[in-house]
Amino acid sequence: MQVMPWFATTFSTLMSRYMAKKLHHGLLLTGPKGIGKYQLALGLSNALLCKQPSINGPCEQCQSCHLRQAGNHPDFHVLESEKQLGVDKIREGIAKLSGTAQMGGNKVLLIPRADTMTEAAANALLKTLEEPTNNTFLLLITDSINKIMPTILSRCERQILSLPSVSDSLNYLNTKGVEDASEALLAAYGYAPLRVEEALSGEEDISYRNFSDGMQALLAGDANLQVQTLANKWQDNAPQIALWCQQMAHDEYMKRQQAVDFKRYEACVDAVKTLQHAGVNKSMVLFGLLKQFQR
């Protein structure tokens, strides 16, 4: 897994600081979902574990690199969490950092979803951030920095990562074999290229292309297309559908300046708000919204 090309400069800057012994032991990588924060953190971890790194990354030849390539480096630890990262998991990770590095180099703890830490877990991590053992690096990643406790924020150095340019994103998607990659497709996924890639791999319940095809048929007045059918089909992804409809209505209004598009946009805003409430009938909300687009 390689560092995304748009983060190459960020990576080399961090490595230059490391080699000058000026890299902070606690780094928090924050930015939008789907831009490659994890790949950057993993690339940095690999280089920190290497015996002969350069600003371009690990040497891939030393014993430490070979162990890492095999997936069993004893000084590299990842704390994964599906929903919440509890205190026991954090303590387990901290315990692995407490001793001497088995390979005689650095120890790295990677927390991919730091915003899922419970308050107790965050408090348990504080002491390690305040008083790390020798040659220890903690790399935290988050899409939602507002969910990180202030005490954690104050003890980490933040690396605020931005969306790549449209051209960089489209170039990346083209190299990945994504056909018909366009700015509109990027926009549907918040201009995050890895979100586009994930969606088109079939790992998401609904892709923007499926949505776009359905909406084009609706806008074209397809007599065989029932609004209720679409509403039922898309109800499990109702919040995403409403956001896509909102974006579509906004784009059309900016192009045409027509009252009908503004009316649709307002309906979308209302639907997005309504869908935030628990227990709402999603199919009914979508039905009312999609009727605005039917011709």
C-alpha atoms as a PDB file:
ATOM      1  CA  MET A   1       0.000   0.000   0.000  1.00  0.00           C
ATOM      2  CA  GLN A   2       1.669   3.179  -1.198  1.00  0.00           C
ATOM      3  CA  VAL A   3       1.386   6.792  -0.119  1.00  0.00           C
ATOM      4  CA  MET A   4      -0.984   8.658  -2.419  1.00  0.00           C
ATOM      5  CA  PRO A   5       0.923  10.810  -4.949  1.00  0.00           C
ATOM      6  CA  TRP A   6      -0.680  14.040  -3.709  1.00  0.00           C
ATOM      7  CA  PHE A   7       0.844  13.404  -0.272  1.00  0.00           C
ATOM      8  CA  ALA A   8       4.369  12.742  -1.560  1.00  0.00           C
ATOM      9  CA  THR A   9       5.603  16.173  -0.466  1.00  0.00           C
ATOM     10  CA  THR A  10       3.963  15.835   2.954  1.00  0.00           C
ATOM     11  CA  PHE A  11       5.578  12.434   3.380  1.00  0.00           C
ATOM     12  CA  SER A  12       9.066  13.591   2.418  1.00  0.00           C
ATOM     13  CA  THR A  13       8.725  16.608   4.741  1.00  0.00           C
ATOM     14  CA  LEU A  14       7.813  14.364   7.665  1.00  0.00           C
ATOM     15  CA  MET A  15      10.683  12.026   6.854  1.00  0.00           C
ATOM     16  CA  SER A  16      13.129  14.935   6.636  1.00  0.00           C
ATOM     17  CA  ARG A  17      12.055  15.989  10.109  1.00  0.00           C
ATOM     18  CA  TYR A  18      12.416  12.441  11.387  1.00  0.00           C
ATOM     19  CA  MET A  19      15.923  12.105  10.016  1.00  0.00           C
ATOM     20  CA  ALA A  20      16.786  15.435  11.625  1.00  0.00           C
ATOM     21  CA  LYS A  21      15.360  14.052  14.908  1.00  0.00           C
ATOM     22  CA  LYS A  22      12.638  16.707  14.908  1.00  0.00           C
ATOM     23  CA  LEU A  23       9.544  14.575  14.298  1.00  0.00           C
ATOM     24  CA  HIS A  24       6.929  14.744  17.049  1.00  0.00           C
ATOM     25  CA  HIS A  25       6.255  11.403  18.743  1.00  0.00           C
ATOM     26  CA  GLY A  26       2.473  11.881  18.537  1.00  0.00           C
ATOM     27  CA  LEU A  27       1.024  12.697  15.119  1.00  0.00           C
ATOM     28  CA  LEU A  28      -2.669  13.183  14.384  1.00  0.00           C
ATOM     29  CA  LEU A  29      -3.529  12.934  10.695  1.00  0.00           C
ATOM     30  CA  THR A  30      -6.857  14.611  10.054  1.00  0.00           C
ATOM     31  CA  GLY A  31      -8.830  15.385   6.922  1.00  0.00           C
ATOM     32  CA  PRO A  32     -11.801  14.253   4.827  1.00  0.00           C
ATOM     33  CA  LYS A  33     -12.592  10.580   4.416  1.00  0.00           C
ATOM     34  CA  GLY A  34     -11.230   8.898   1.309  1.00  0.00           C
ATOM     35  CA  ILE A  35      -8.109  10.973   0.615  1.00  0.00           C
ATOM     36  CA  GLY A  36      -5.424   8.515   1.737  1.00  0.00           C
ATOM     37  CA  LYS A  37      -4.703   9.366   5.371  1.00  0.00           C
ATOM     38  CA  TYR A  38      -4.305   5.690   6.260  1.00  0.00           C
ATOM     39  CA  GLN A  39      -1.897   5.098   3.381  1.00  0.00           C
ATOM     40  CA  LEU A  40       0.190   8.072   4.513  1.00  0.00           C
ATOM     41  CA  ALA A  41       0.270   6.836   8.109  1.00  0.00           C
ATOM     42  CA  LEU A  42       1.152   3.315   7.005  1.00  0.00           C
ATOM     43  CA  GLY A  43       3.905   4.579   4.716  1.00  0.00           C
ATOM     44  CA  LEU A  44       5.318   6.651   7.553  1.00  0.00           C
ATOM     45  CA  SER A  45       5.103   3.660   9.912  1.00  0.00           C
ATOM     46  CA  ASN A  46       7.018   1.525   7.430  1.00  0.00           C
ATOM     47  CA  ALA A  47       9.755   4.132   7.157  1.00  0.00           C
ATOM     48  CA  LEU A  48       9.986   4.598  10.930  1.00  0.00           C
ATOM     49  CA  LEU A  49      10.516   0.862  11.371  1.00  0.00           C
ATOM     50  CA  CYS A  50      13.186   0.676   8.662  1.00  0.00           C
ATOM     51  CA  LYS A  51      16.886   0.515   9.624  1.00  0.00           C
ATOM     52  CA  GLN A  52      18.018   2.562   6.624  1.00  0.00           C
ATOM     53  CA  PRO A  53      15.183   4.898   5.590  1.00  0.00           C
ATOM     54  CA  SER A  54      15.429   7.890   3.284  1.00  0.00           C
ATOM     55  CA  ILE A  55      13.096  10.823   2.754  1.00  0.00           C
ATOM     56  CA  ASN A  56      11.471   8.675   0.058  1.00  0.00           C
ATOM     57  CA  GLY A  57      10.575   5.865   2.452  1.00  0.00           C
ATOM     58  CA  PRO A  58      11.857   2.515   3.722  1.00  0.00           C
ATOM     59  CA  CYS A  59      14.776   0.712   2.091  1.00  0.00           C
ATOM     60  CA  GLU A  60      12.726  -2.513   1.669  1.00  0.00           C
ATOM     61  CA  GLN A  61      15.974  -4.492   2.054  1.00  0.00           C
ATOM     62  CA  CYS A  62      16.791  -4.615   5.776  1.00  0.00           C
ATOM     63  CA  GLN A  63      15.614  -7.294   8.207  1.00  0.00           C
ATOM     64  CA  SER A  64      13.094  -4.906   9.723  1.00  0.00           C
ATOM     65  CA  CYS A  65      11.556  -4.250   6.305  1.00  0.00           C
ATOM     66  CA  HIS A  66      11.431  -7.972   5.552  1.00  0.00           C
ATOM     67  CA  LEU A  67       9.574  -8.629   8.809  1.00  0.00           C
ATOM     68  CA  ARG A  68       7.159  -5.812   8.058  1.00  0.00           C
ATOM     69  CA  GLN A  69       6.592  -7.116   4.520  1.00  0.00           C
ATOM     70  CA  ALA A  70       5.748 -10.507   6.011  1.00  0.00           C
ATOM     71  CA  GLY A  71       3.213  -8.849   8.299  1.00  0.00           C
ATOM     72  CA  ASN A  72       4.849  -9.830  11.572  1.00  0.00           C
ATOM     73  CA  HIS A  73       7.068  -6.957  12.673  1.00  0.00           C
ATOM     74  CA  PRO A  74       7.181  -7.200  16.492  1.00  0.00           C
ATOM     75  CA  ASP A  75       7.391  -3.431  17.038  1.00  0.00           C
ATOM     76  CA  PHE A  76       4.435  -2.394  14.869  1.00  0.00           C
ATOM     77  CA  HIS A  77       0.977  -2.407  16.429  1.00  0.00           C
ATOM     78  CA  VAL A  78      -2.409  -1.399  15.004  1.00  0.00           C
ATOM     79  CA  LEU A  79      -5.478  -0.767  17.153  1.00  0.00           C
ATOM     80  CA  GLU A  80      -8.559  -1.371  15.009  1.00  0.00           C
ATOM     81  CA  SER A  81     -12.139  -0.678  16.027  1.00  0.00           C
ATOM     82  CA  GLU A  82     -15.464  -1.165  14.293  1.00  0.00           C
ATOM     83  CA  LYS A  83     -17.582   1.027  16.548  1.00  0.00           C
ATOM     84  CA  GLN A  84     -15.797   2.011  19.745  1.00  0.00           C
ATOM     85  CA  LEU A  85     -12.181   1.710  20.801  1.00  0.00           C
ATOM     86  CA  GLY A  86     -12.320   0.803  24.474  1.00  0.00           C
ATOM     87  CA  VAL A  87      -9.899   1.271  27.323  1.00  0.00           C
ATOM     88  CA  ASP A  88      -8.827  -2.389  27.381  1.00  0.00           C
ATOM     89  CA  LYS A  89      -7.728  -2.227  23.754  1.00  0.00           C
ATOM     90  CA  ILE A  90      -5.753   0.962  24.394  1.00  0.00           C
ATOM     91  CA  ARG A  91      -4.077  -0.510  27.476  1.00  0.00           C
ATOM     92  CA  GLU A  92      -3.164  -3.571  25.448  1.00  0.00           C
ATOM     93  CA  GLY A  93      -1.493  -1.359  22.850  1.00  0.00           C
ATOM     94  CA  ILE A  94       0.298   0.735  25.465  1.00  0.00           C
ATOM     95  CA  ALA A  95       1.640  -2.406  27.139  1.00  0.00           C
ATOM     96  CA  LYS A  96       3.263  -3.439  23.872  1.00  0.00           C
ATOM     97  CA  LEU A  97       5.078  -0.105  23.738  1.00  0.00           C
ATOM     98  CA  SER A  98       6.367  -0.226  27.300  1.00  0.00           C
ATOM     99  CA  GLY A  99       9.362  -2.479  26.739  1.00  0.00           C
ATOM    100  CA  THR A 100      12.455  -2.208  24.594  1.00  0.00           C
ATOM    101  CA  ALA A 101      11.974  -2.465  20.840  1.00  0.00           C
ATOM    102  CA  GLN A 102      12.600  -6.081  19.862  1.00  0.00           C
ATOM    103  CA  MET A 103      14.338  -5.026  16.662  1.00  0.00           C
ATOM    104  CA  GLY A 104      16.364  -2.358  18.430  1.00  0.00           C
ATOM    105  CA  GLY A 105      14.753   0.484  16.487  1.00  0.00           C
ATOM    106  CA  ASN A 106      11.463   2.332  16.770  1.00  0.00           C
ATOM    107  CA  LYS A 107       8.119   1.178  18.106  1.00  0.00           C
ATOM    108  CA  VAL A 108       5.000   2.367  16.291  1.00  0.00           C
ATOM    109  CA  LEU A 109       1.371   2.342  17.422  1.00  0.00           C
ATOM    110  CA  LEU A 110      -1.166   3.133  14.687  1.00  0.00           C
ATOM    111  CA  ILE A 111      -4.764   4.050  15.588  1.00  0.00           C
ATOM    112  CA  PRO A 112      -6.745   4.318  12.311  1.00  0.00           C
ATOM    113  CA  ARG A 113     -10.001   5.591  13.845  1.00  0.00           C
ATOM    114  CA  ALA A 114      -8.899   7.645  16.815  1.00  0.00           C
ATOM    115  CA  ASP A 115     -12.280   9.392  17.018  1.00  0.00           C
ATOM    116  CA  THR A 116     -13.874   6.123  18.172  1.00  0.00           C
ATOM    117  CA  MET A 117     -11.913   6.108  21.435  1.00  0.00           C
ATOM    118  CA  THR A 118     -14.091   6.201  24.523  1.00  0.00           C
ATOM    119  CA  GLU A 119     -13.313   8.840  27.138  1.00  0.00           C
ATOM    120  CA  ALA A 120     -11.680   6.201  29.331  1.00  0.00           C
ATOM    121  CA  ALA A 121      -9.589   4.974  26.393  1.00  0.00           C
ATOM    122  CA  ALA A 122      -8.452   8.504  25.563  1.00  0.00           C
ATOM    123  CA  ASN A 123      -7.510   9.114  29.183  1.00  0.00           C
ATOM    124  CA  ALA A 124      -5.503   5.888  29.212  1.00  0.00           C
ATOM    125  CA  LEU A 125      -3.594   7.043  26.132  1.00  0.00           C
ATOM    126  CA  LEU A 126      -2.749  10.442  27.618  1.00  0.00           C
ATOM    127  CA  LYS A 127       0.131   9.312  29.822  1.00  0.00           C
ATOM    128  CA  THR A 128       1.866   7.632  26.886  1.00  0.00           C
ATOM    129  CA  LEU A 129       1.440  10.776  24.809  1.00  0.00           C
ATOM    130  CA  GLU A 130       2.798  12.871  27.682  1.00  0.00           C
ATOM    131  CA  GLU A 131       5.675  10.568  28.603  1.00  0.00           C
ATOM    132  CA  PRO A 132       6.418   8.192  25.716  1.00  0.00           C
ATOM    133  CA  THR A 133       9.033   5.497  26.082  1.00  0.00           C
ATOM    134  CA  ASN A 134      12.187   5.845  24.007  1.00  0.00           C
ATOM    135  CA  ASN A 135      11.891   5.560  20.228  1.00  0.00           C
ATOM    136  CA  THR A 136       8.102   5.422  20.338  1.00  0.00           C
ATOM    137  CA  PHE A 137       5.749   6.962  17.784  1.00  0.00           C
ATOM    138  CA  LEU A 138       1.971   7.134  17.969  1.00  0.00           C
ATOM    139  CA  LEU A 139       0.091   7.811  14.729  1.00  0.00           C
ATOM    140  CA  LEU A 140      -3.582   8.692  15.087  1.00  0.00           C
ATOM    141  CA  ILE A 141      -5.997   9.108  12.177  1.00  0.00           C
ATOM    142  CA  THR A 142      -9.417  10.731  12.118  1.00  0.00           C
ATOM    143  CA  ASP A 143     -12.058  11.970   9.688  1.00  0.00           C
ATOM    144  CA  SER A 144     -13.770  13.826  12.559  1.00  0.00           C
ATOM    145  CA  ILE A 145     -11.331  15.889  14.588  1.00  0.00           C
ATOM    146  CA  ASN A 146     -14.224  17.424  16.548  1.00  0.00           C
ATOM    147  CA  LYS A 147     -14.742  14.011  18.170  1.00  0.00           C
ATOM    148  CA  ILE A 148     -11.206  13.890  19.567  1.00  0.00           C
ATOM    149  CA  MET A 149     -10.861  14.933  23.213  1.00  0.00           C
ATOM    150  CA  PRO A 150      -9.118  18.313  23.667  1.00  0.00           C
ATOM    151  CA  THR A 151      -6.552  16.713  25.967  1.00  0.00           C
ATOM    152  CA  ILE A 152      -5.510  14.358  23.158  1.00  0.00           C
ATOM    153  CA  LEU A 153      -5.418  17.202  20.640  1.00  0.00           C
ATOM    154  CA  SER A 154      -3.168  19.264  22.875  1.00  0.00           C
ATOM    155  CA  ARG A 155      -0.592  16.484  23.085  1.00  0.00           C
ATOM    156  CA  CYS A 156      -0.435  15.620  19.398  1.00  0.00           C
ATOM    157  CA  GLU A 157       0.961  17.466  16.434  1.00  0.00           C
ATOM    158  CA  ARG A 158      -1.800  17.876  13.884  1.00  0.00           C
ATOM    159  CA  GLN A 159      -1.213  17.185  10.222  1.00  0.00           C
ATOM    160  CA  ILE A 160      -4.224  18.715   8.487  1.00  0.00           C
ATOM    161  CA  LEU A 161      -4.600  16.970   5.135  1.00  0.00           C
ATOM    162  CA  SER A 162      -6.644  18.478   2.334  1.00  0.00           C
ATOM    163  CA  LEU A 163      -8.502  17.076  -0.642  1.00  0.00           C
ATOM    164  CA  PRO A 164      -6.291  16.477  -3.679  1.00  0.00           C
ATOM    165  CA  SER A 165      -6.811  18.623  -6.751  1.00  0.00           C
ATOM    166  CA  VAL A 166      -9.401  17.495  -9.270  1.00  0.00           C
ATOM    167  CA  SER A 167      -6.668  16.768 -11.825  1.00  0.00           C
ATOM    168  CA  ASP A 168      -4.676  14.647  -9.350  1.00  0.00           C
ATOM    169  CA  SER A 169      -7.819  12.750  -8.388  1.00  0.00           C
ATOM    170  CA  LEU A 170      -8.847  12.095 -11.983  1.00  0.00           C
ATOM    171  CA  ASN A 171      -5.317  10.988 -12.889  1.00  0.00           C
ATOM    172  CA  TYR A 172      -5.367   8.559  -9.981  1.00  0.00           C
ATOM    173  CA  LEU A 173      -8.770   7.142 -10.931  1.00  0.00           C
ATOM    174  CA  ASN A 174      -7.636   6.731 -14.537  1.00  0.00           C
ATOM    175  CA  THR A 175      -4.586   4.744 -13.410  1.00  0.00           C
ATOM    176  CA  LYS A 176      -6.974   2.531 -11.434  1.00  0.00           C
ATOM    177  CA  GLY A 177      -8.980   1.805 -14.561  1.00  0.00           C
ATOM    178  CA  VAL A 178     -12.041   3.859 -13.630  1.00  0.00           C
ATOM    179  CA  GLU A 179     -13.918   4.502 -16.847  1.00  0.00           C
ATOM    180  CA  ASP A 180     -15.610   7.839 -17.464  1.00  0.00           C
ATOM    181  CA  ALA A 181     -14.036   9.436 -14.399  1.00  0.00           C
ATOM    182  CA  SER A 182     -15.314  13.001 -14.238  1.00  0.00           C
ATOM    183  CA  GLU A 183     -15.515  15.949 -11.892  1.00  0.00           C
ATOM    184  CA  ALA A 184     -19.229  15.244 -11.457  1.00  0.00           C
ATOM    185  CA  LEU A 185     -18.424  11.736 -10.242  1.00  0.00           C
ATOM    186  CA  LEU A 186     -15.804  13.135  -7.869  1.00  0.00           C
ATOM    187  CA  ALA A 187     -18.237  15.742  -6.572  1.00  0.00           C
ATOM    188  CA  ALA A 188     -20.754  13.017  -5.738  1.00  0.00           C
ATOM    189  CA  TYR A 189     -18.254  11.603  -3.264  1.00  0.00           C
ATOM    190  CA  GLY A 190     -17.055  14.868  -1.796  1.00  0.00           C
ATOM    191  CA  TYR A 191     -14.092  15.081  -4.209  1.00  0.00           C
ATOM    192  CA  ALA A 192     -12.467  12.180  -2.341  1.00  0.00           C
ATOM    193  CA  PRO A 193     -10.959   9.816  -4.958  1.00  0.00           C
ATOM    194  CA  LEU A 194     -10.680   6.794  -2.677  1.00  0.00           C
ATOM    195  CA  ARG A 195     -14.386   7.040  -1.903  1.00  0.00           C
ATOM    196  CA  VAL A 196     -15.063   6.903  -5.642  1.00  0.00           C
ATOM    197  CA  GLU A 197     -12.792   3.886  -5.993  1.00  0.00           C
ATOM    198  CA  GLU A 198     -14.503   2.110  -3.104  1.00  0.00           C
ATOM    199  CA  ALA A 199     -17.959   2.834  -4.467  1.00  0.00           C
ATOM    200  CA  LEU A 200     -17.145   1.540  -7.938  1.00  0.00           C
ATOM    201  CA  SER A 201     -15.588  -1.610  -6.513  1.00  0.00           C
ATOM    202  CA  GLY A 202     -19.066  -2.627  -5.392  1.00  0.00           C
ATOM    203  CA  GLU A 203     -18.310  -2.282  -1.674  1.00  0.00           C
ATOM    204  CA  GLU A 204     -21.018   0.356  -1.206  1.00  0.00           C
ATOM    205  CA  ASP A 205     -24.733  -0.425  -1.245  1.00  0.00           C
ATOM    206  CA  ILE A 206     -25.409   2.085  -4.006  1.00  0.00           C
ATOM    207  CA  SER A 207     -23.062   3.844  -6.376  1.00  0.00           C
ATOM    208  CA  TYR A 208     -23.482   7.338  -7.747  1.00  0.00           C
ATOM    209  CA  ARG A 209     -23.800   5.850 -11.228  1.00  0.00           C
ATOM    210  CA  ASN A 210     -26.808   3.786 -10.164  1.00  0.00           C
ATOM    211  CA  PHE A 211     -28.317   6.896  -8.607  1.00  0.00           C
ATOM    212  CA  SER A 212     -27.544   8.990 -11.680  1.00  0.00           C
ATOM    213  CA  ASP A 213     -29.109   6.432 -14.026  1.00  0.00           C
ATOM    214  CA  GLY A 214     -32.270   6.337 -11.932  1.00  0.00           C
ATOM    215  CA  MET A 215     -32.527  10.113 -11.728  1.00  0.00           C
ATOM    216  CA  GLN A 216     -31.933  10.595 -15.440  1.00  0.00           C
ATOM    217  CA  ALA A 217     -34.774   8.205 -16.172  1.00  0.00           C
ATOM    218  CA  LEU A 218     -36.968  10.071 -13.689  1.00  0.00           C
ATOM    219  CA  LEU A 219     -36.101  13.461 -15.166  1.00  0.00           C
ATOM    220  CA  ALA A 220     -36.702  12.146 -18.677  1.00  0.00           C
ATOM    221  CA  GLY A 221     -40.226  11.149 -17.722  1.00  0.00           C
ATOM    222  CA  ASP A 222     -39.742   7.392 -18.134  1.00  0.00           C
ATOM    223  CA  ALA A 223     -43.288   6.048 -18.027  1.00  0.00           C
ATOM    224  CA  ASN A 224     -42.084   2.668 -16.775  1.00  0.00           C
ATOM    225  CA  LEU A 225     -40.330   4.166 -13.753  1.00  0.00           C
ATOM    226  CA  GLN A 226     -42.404   4.424 -10.598  1.00  0.00           C
ATOM    227  CA  VAL A 227     -41.300   6.965  -7.984  1.00  0.00           C
ATOM    228  CA  GLN A 228     -42.373   4.624  -5.182  1.00  0.00           C
ATOM    229  CA  THR A 229     -40.237   1.866  -6.674  1.00  0.00           C
ATOM    230  CA  LEU A 230     -37.151   4.075  -6.524  1.00  0.00           C
ATOM    231  CA  ALA A 231     -38.022   5.283  -3.025  1.00  0.00           C
ATOM    232  CA  ASN A 232     -38.332   1.719  -1.764  1.00  0.00           C
ATOM    233  CA  LYS A 233     -35.160   0.649  -3.550  1.00  0.00           C
ATOM    234  CA  TRP A 234     -33.086   3.503  -2.150  1.00  0.00           C
ATOM    235  CA  GLN A 235     -34.541   3.857   1.345  1.00  0.00           C
ATOM    236  CA  ASP A 236     -31.613   2.106   3.067  1.00  0.00           C
ATOM    237  CA  ASN A 237     -29.342   4.804   1.626  1.00  0.00           C
ATOM    238  CA  ALA A 238     -31.810   7.663   2.039  1.00  0.00           C
ATOM    239  CA  PRO A 239     -29.409  10.233   3.604  1.00  0.00           C
ATOM    240  CA  GLN A 240     -26.884   9.745   0.803  1.00  0.00           C
ATOM    241  CA  ILE A 241     -29.612   9.894  -1.861  1.00  0.00           C
ATOM    242  CA  ALA A 242     -30.958  13.149  -0.410  1.00  0.00           C
ATOM    243  CA  LEU A 243     -27.475  14.690  -0.436  1.00  0.00           C
ATOM    244  CA  TRP A 244     -26.923  13.640  -4.042  1.00  0.00           C
ATOM    245  CA  CYS A 245     -30.305  15.086  -5.008  1.00  0.00           C
ATOM    246  CA  GLN A 246     -29.365  18.300  -3.226  1.00  0.00           C
ATOM    247  CA  GLN A 247     -26.099  18.515  -5.127  1.00  0.00           C
ATOM    248  CA  MET A 248     -27.867  17.807  -8.423  1.00  0.00           C
ATOM    249  CA  ALA A 249     -30.487  20.498  -7.782  1.00  0.00           C
ATOM    250  CA  HIS A 250     -27.812  22.998  -6.734  1.00  0.00           C
ATOM    251  CA  ASP A 251     -25.740  22.364  -9.850  1.00  0.00           C
ATOM    252  CA  GLU A 252     -28.782  22.708 -12.105  1.00  0.00           C
ATOM    253  CA  TYR A 253     -29.839  25.940 -10.431  1.00  0.00           C
ATOM    254  CA  MET A 254     -26.350  27.427 -10.798  1.00  0.00           C
ATOM    255  CA  LYS A 255     -26.408  26.581 -14.505  1.00  0.00           C
ATOM    256  CA  ARG A 256     -29.982  27.535 -15.385  1.00  0.00           C
ATOM    257  CA  GLN A 257     -31.163  29.884 -12.612  1.00  0.00           C
ATOM    258  CA  GLN A 258     -34.623  28.335 -12.879  1.00  0.00           C
ATOM    259  CA  ALA A 259     -37.188  28.509 -10.064  1.00  0.00           C
ATOM    260  CA  VAL A 260     -37.964  24.803 -10.429  1.00  0.00           C
ATOM    261  CA  ASP A 261     -34.372  23.905  -9.587  1.00  0.00           C
ATOM    262  CA  PHE A 262     -34.352  26.169  -6.536  1.00  0.00           C
ATOM    263  CA  LYS A 263     -37.611  24.592  -5.360  1.00  0.00           C
ATOM    264  CA  ARG A 264     -36.035  21.158  -5.718  1.00  0.00           C
ATOM    265  CA  TYR A 265     -32.985  22.331  -3.809  1.00  0.00           C
ATOM    266  CA  GLU A 266     -35.132  23.570  -0.913  1.00  0.00           C
ATOM    267  CA  ALA A 267     -36.990  20.242  -0.856  1.00  0.00           C
ATOM    268  CA  CYS A 268     -33.651  18.438  -0.647  1.00  0.00           C
ATOM    269  CA  VAL A 269     -32.468  20.588   2.262  1.00  0.00           C
ATOM    270  CA  ASP A 270     -35.680  19.789   4.127  1.00  0.00           C
ATOM    271  CA  ALA A 271     -35.328  16.069   3.360  1.00  0.00           C
ATOM    272  CA  VAL A 272     -31.722  15.973   4.597  1.00  0.00           C
ATOM    273  CA  LYS A 273     -32.830  17.526   7.900  1.00  0.00           C
ATOM    274  CA  THR A 274     -35.831  15.220   8.244  1.00  0.00           C
ATOM    275  CA  LEU A 275     -33.732  12.105   7.648  1.00  0.00           C
ATOM    276  CA  GLN A 276     -31.534  12.978  10.617  1.00  0.00           C
ATOM    277  CA  HIS A 277     -34.392  12.120  12.977  1.00  0.00           C
ATOM    278  CA  ALA A 278     -34.675   8.601  14.351  1.00  0.00           C
ATOM    279  CA  GLY A 279     -37.696   6.534  13.363  1.00  0.00           C
ATOM    280  CA  VAL A 280     -38.536   8.557  10.277  1.00  0.00           C
ATOM    281  CA  ASN A 281     -40.168   6.732   7.361  1.00  0.00           C
ATOM    282  CA  LYS A 282     -37.294   6.954   4.878  1.00  0.00           C
ATOM    283  CA  SER A 283     -39.256   5.595   1.945  1.00  0.00           C
ATOM    284  CA  MET A 284     -41.956   8.221   2.462  1.00  0.00           C
ATOM    285  CA  VAL A 285     -39.410  11.051   2.721  1.00  0.00           C
ATOM    286  CA  LEU A 286     -37.704   9.888  -0.470  1.00  0.00           C
ATOM    287  CA  PHE A 287     -41.025   9.520  -2.257  1.00  0.00           C
ATOM    288  CA  GLY A 288     -41.893  13.141  -1.513  1.00  0.00           C
ATOM    289  CA  LEU A 289     -38.442  14.287  -2.572  1.00  0.00           C
ATOM    290  CA  LEU A 290     -38.250  12.279  -5.796  1.00  0.00           C
ATOM    291  CA  LYS A 291     -41.709  13.485  -6.842  1.00  0.00           C
ATOM    292  CA  GLN A 292     -40.123  16.938  -7.102  1.00  0.00           C
ATOM    293  CA  PHE A 293     -37.855  15.613  -9.848  1.00  0.00           C
ATOM    294  CA  GLN A 294     -40.487  13.677 -11.793  1.00  0.00           C
ATOM    295  CA  ARG A 295     -41.647  15.081 -15.107  1.00  0.00           C
END
